[in-house]
Amino acid sequence: MKTVLVKESQYDISPAHLKEGSIFGALSDTSIQFLLDEGILHKVAKGDEVFSYGSKGGSFHTVLHGKLDFYKQHGDKKLRTRTICFGEAIGFVSMIALHERAGSLYTLEECLLLEISSQLFSDFHDKYPFDFGILLMNLSRDMARTIRVLSNAMVESDVIVKQN
C-alpha cells in the first residue's frame, strides 16, 4: 500500500466523478474536496491486504477506483461475504462501533482508496454539518443494502439462526 497525493492520482477523482458513487452522492464539491485533501489516499496493488481481522478499526475506506473482497471471520471460520466497488465504503461499522475489524480486505485489482479516520470524520461534521448528514444517510443506505444481501444469502443457504 502506497500513500499518494491527490494530484498524483492517475484516476479521475474529481468531485463530479465521485458523486456517481453511492457514498459521495449529493455531497457538495467543497466537502468532497475537503475529504480528499484531509484524508489519506492509498494506491494498493492487486492481491494486497488493506486491513486484517482483529486490527484497529479507527478509520474507514472509500473506493475511488477498483474492486476488493471482504472476508468475514468468526472464530476460526472465514467467508468471503462481498465485493466492494467504486463509490462504496468498508470499515465504517468497526469505526462507529469502536471495535476491531471483523474480517480482512483484499484487492482484486489495483485500487485507489480514500481512508477517512475517526478524527477526520469528526472534523467533517464540524466543518460541513449539512454534508455530514448526507454522508451518514449514504453510509446507512449502503449498510442497509449489505444487510439485505447477507440476510437473503442466509435464507437461500438455509442457515438457521439459533436464539440464545
Protein backbone atom coordinates (compact mmCIF):
# COMPACT_ATOMS: atom_id res chain seq x y z
CA MET A 1 0.00 0.00 0.00
CA LYS A 2 1.45 3.33 -1.07
CA THR A 3 0.26 6.76 0.08
CA VAL A 4 -0.23 9.17 -2.83
CA LEU A 5 -1.14 12.83 -3.25
CA VAL A 6 -4.41 13.84 -4.89
CA LYS A 7 -2.51 15.49 -7.76
CA GLU A 8 -0.55 12.25 -8.33
CA SER A 9 -3.62 10.12 -8.95
CA GLN A 10 -3.91 8.64 -12.43
CA TYR A 11 -7.66 8.18 -11.93
CA ASP A 12 -10.49 10.68 -12.16
CA ILE A 13 -11.15 11.66 -8.56
CA SER A 14 -12.90 14.92 -9.28
CA PRO A 15 -15.91 15.67 -7.10
CA ALA A 16 -18.14 15.44 -10.20
CA HIS A 17 -16.98 11.87 -10.85
CA LEU A 18 -17.01 10.79 -7.20
CA LYS A 19 -20.65 11.92 -6.86
CA GLU A 20 -21.53 9.00 -9.16
CA GLY A 21 -20.61 6.67 -6.26
CA SER A 22 -23.13 5.92 -3.54
CA ILE A 23 -21.06 7.34 -0.66
CA PHE A 24 -20.41 10.74 -2.24
CA GLY A 25 -23.79 11.20 -3.95
CA ALA A 26 -25.42 14.60 -3.19
CA LEU A 27 -22.40 15.94 -1.26
CA SER A 28 -21.12 19.39 -2.16
CA ASP A 29 -17.98 19.66 -4.26
CA THR A 30 -16.22 21.57 -1.48
CA SER A 31 -16.98 18.90 1.13
CA ILE A 32 -15.73 16.12 -1.17
CA GLN A 33 -12.56 18.10 -1.84
CA PHE A 34 -12.10 18.56 1.91
CA LEU A 35 -12.22 14.77 2.41
CA LEU A 36 -9.76 14.24 -0.45
CA ASP A 37 -7.38 16.89 0.90
CA GLU A 38 -7.54 15.82 4.54
CA GLY A 39 -7.91 12.06 4.14
CA ILE A 40 -5.20 9.60 3.15
CA LEU A 41 -5.11 8.31 -0.43
CA HIS A 42 -3.76 4.79 -0.78
CA LYS A 43 -2.74 3.18 -4.05
CA VAL A 44 -2.96 -0.56 -3.45
CA ALA A 45 -1.65 -3.28 -5.77
CA LYS A 46 -3.72 -6.26 -6.89
CA GLY A 47 -3.80 -9.01 -4.23
CA ASP A 48 -2.69 -6.81 -1.33
CA GLU A 49 -4.32 -6.88 2.09
CA VAL A 50 -5.77 -3.49 3.07
CA PHE A 51 -6.63 -4.44 6.64
CA SER A 52 -6.71 -7.68 8.61
CA TYR A 53 -9.06 -9.36 11.03
CA GLY A 54 -8.59 -8.02 14.55
CA SER A 55 -6.78 -4.83 13.52
CA LYS A 56 -7.81 -1.47 14.95
CA GLY A 57 -10.96 -0.02 13.36
CA GLY A 58 -10.20 3.69 13.75
CA SER A 59 -10.99 4.58 10.15
CA PHE A 60 -12.94 3.50 7.09
CA HIS A 61 -12.08 3.38 3.40
CA THR A 62 -13.99 4.55 0.35
CA VAL A 63 -13.23 3.03 -3.03
CA LEU A 64 -12.23 5.66 -5.59
CA HIS A 65 -11.09 3.06 -8.12
CA GLY A 66 -11.03 -0.73 -8.21
CA LYS A 67 -12.64 -3.72 -6.52
CA LEU A 68 -11.93 -5.51 -3.26
CA ASP A 69 -13.20 -8.63 -1.50
CA PHE A 70 -14.14 -8.66 2.18
CA TYR A 71 -13.69 -11.90 4.15
CA LYS A 72 -15.74 -12.01 7.36
CA GLN A 73 -14.18 -14.01 10.15
CA HIS A 74 -15.87 -15.58 13.16
CA GLY A 75 -13.78 -17.80 15.39
CA ASP A 76 -11.69 -19.96 13.09
CA LYS A 77 -14.12 -19.69 10.16
CA LYS A 78 -13.61 -17.23 7.30
CA LEU A 79 -16.00 -16.49 4.41
CA ARG A 80 -15.99 -14.02 1.52
CA THR A 81 -19.17 -12.04 2.07
CA ARG A 82 -18.98 -9.32 -0.54
CA THR A 83 -17.13 -7.37 -3.17
CA ILE A 84 -16.70 -3.63 -2.62
CA CYS A 85 -16.60 -1.41 -5.72
CA PHE A 86 -16.27 2.23 -6.77
CA GLY A 87 -18.12 4.65 -4.53
CA GLU A 88 -18.68 2.19 -1.69
CA ALA A 89 -17.20 2.21 1.81
CA ILE A 90 -15.74 -0.51 4.01
CA GLY A 91 -14.74 -0.42 7.68
CA PHE A 92 -17.34 2.12 8.75
CA VAL A 93 -19.11 -0.29 11.10
CA SER A 94 -15.90 -1.08 13.02
CA MET A 95 -15.05 2.61 13.32
CA ILE A 96 -18.50 3.62 14.57
CA ALA A 97 -18.86 0.61 16.90
CA LEU A 98 -15.36 1.20 18.33
CA HIS A 99 -14.33 -2.40 17.81
CA GLU A 100 -11.64 -4.27 15.94
CA ARG A 101 -12.00 -5.32 12.31
CA ALA A 102 -14.39 -8.26 11.87
CA GLY A 103 -12.59 -9.53 8.80
CA SER A 104 -9.90 -8.94 6.19
CA LEU A 105 -9.96 -6.88 3.00
CA TYR A 106 -8.04 -7.80 -0.18
CA THR A 107 -7.77 -6.04 -3.52
CA LEU A 108 -8.96 -7.80 -6.68
CA GLU A 109 -7.17 -5.28 -8.88
CA GLU A 110 -5.14 -2.13 -8.43
CA CYS A 111 -7.18 0.19 -6.22
CA LEU A 112 -7.25 3.77 -5.09
CA LEU A 113 -8.75 4.15 -1.62
CA LEU A 114 -9.53 7.17 0.49
CA GLU A 115 -9.01 6.48 4.19
CA ILE A 116 -11.17 8.59 6.48
CA SER A 117 -10.06 8.49 10.12
CA SER A 118 -12.45 8.95 13.03
CA GLN A 119 -10.80 12.35 13.63
CA LEU A 120 -11.42 13.44 10.03
CA PHE A 121 -15.00 12.16 10.30
CA SER A 122 -15.45 14.39 13.38
CA ASP A 123 -13.79 17.35 11.65
CA PHE A 124 -16.07 16.83 8.64
CA HIS A 125 -19.08 17.01 10.99
CA ASP A 126 -17.84 20.30 12.43
CA LYS A 127 -16.94 21.94 9.12
CA TYR A 128 -19.73 20.59 6.87
CA PRO A 129 -22.70 19.65 9.11
CA PHE A 130 -25.24 19.50 6.26
CA ASP A 131 -22.98 17.33 4.10
CA PHE A 132 -22.18 15.19 7.15
CA GLY A 133 -25.90 14.38 7.45
CA ILE A 134 -25.99 13.36 3.79
CA LEU A 135 -22.84 11.28 4.18
CA LEU A 136 -24.37 9.45 7.17
CA MET A 137 -27.52 8.77 5.14
CA ASN A 138 -25.42 7.44 2.24
CA LEU A 139 -23.39 5.20 4.57
CA SER A 140 -26.59 3.98 6.26
CA ARG A 141 -28.16 3.14 2.90
CA ASP A 142 -25.13 1.11 1.91
CA MET A 143 -25.19 -0.73 5.26
CA ALA A 144 -28.89 -1.48 4.79
CA ARG A 145 -28.24 -2.86 1.30
CA THR A 146 -25.43 -5.03 2.64
CA ILE A 147 -27.63 -6.36 5.45
CA ARG A 148 -30.34 -7.26 2.93
CA VAL A 149 -27.91 -9.07 0.62
CA LEU A 150 -26.35 -11.01 3.52
CA SER A 151 -29.70 -11.92 5.08
CA ASN A 152 -31.01 -13.08 1.69
CA ALA A 153 -27.91 -15.25 1.32
CA MET A 154 -28.60 -16.79 4.73
CA VAL A 155 -32.14 -17.67 3.70
CA GLU A 156 -31.00 -19.09 0.37
CA SER A 157 -28.44 -21.32 2.09
CA ASP A 158 -31.00 -22.47 4.69
CA VAL A 159 -28.94 -21.15 7.57
CA ILE A 160 -30.84 -21.44 10.84
CA VAL A 161 -30.07 -18.81 13.44
CA LYS A 162 -30.47 -20.19 16.95
CA GLN A 163 -31.70 -17.84 19.62
CA ASN A 164 -29.97 -17.88 22.97
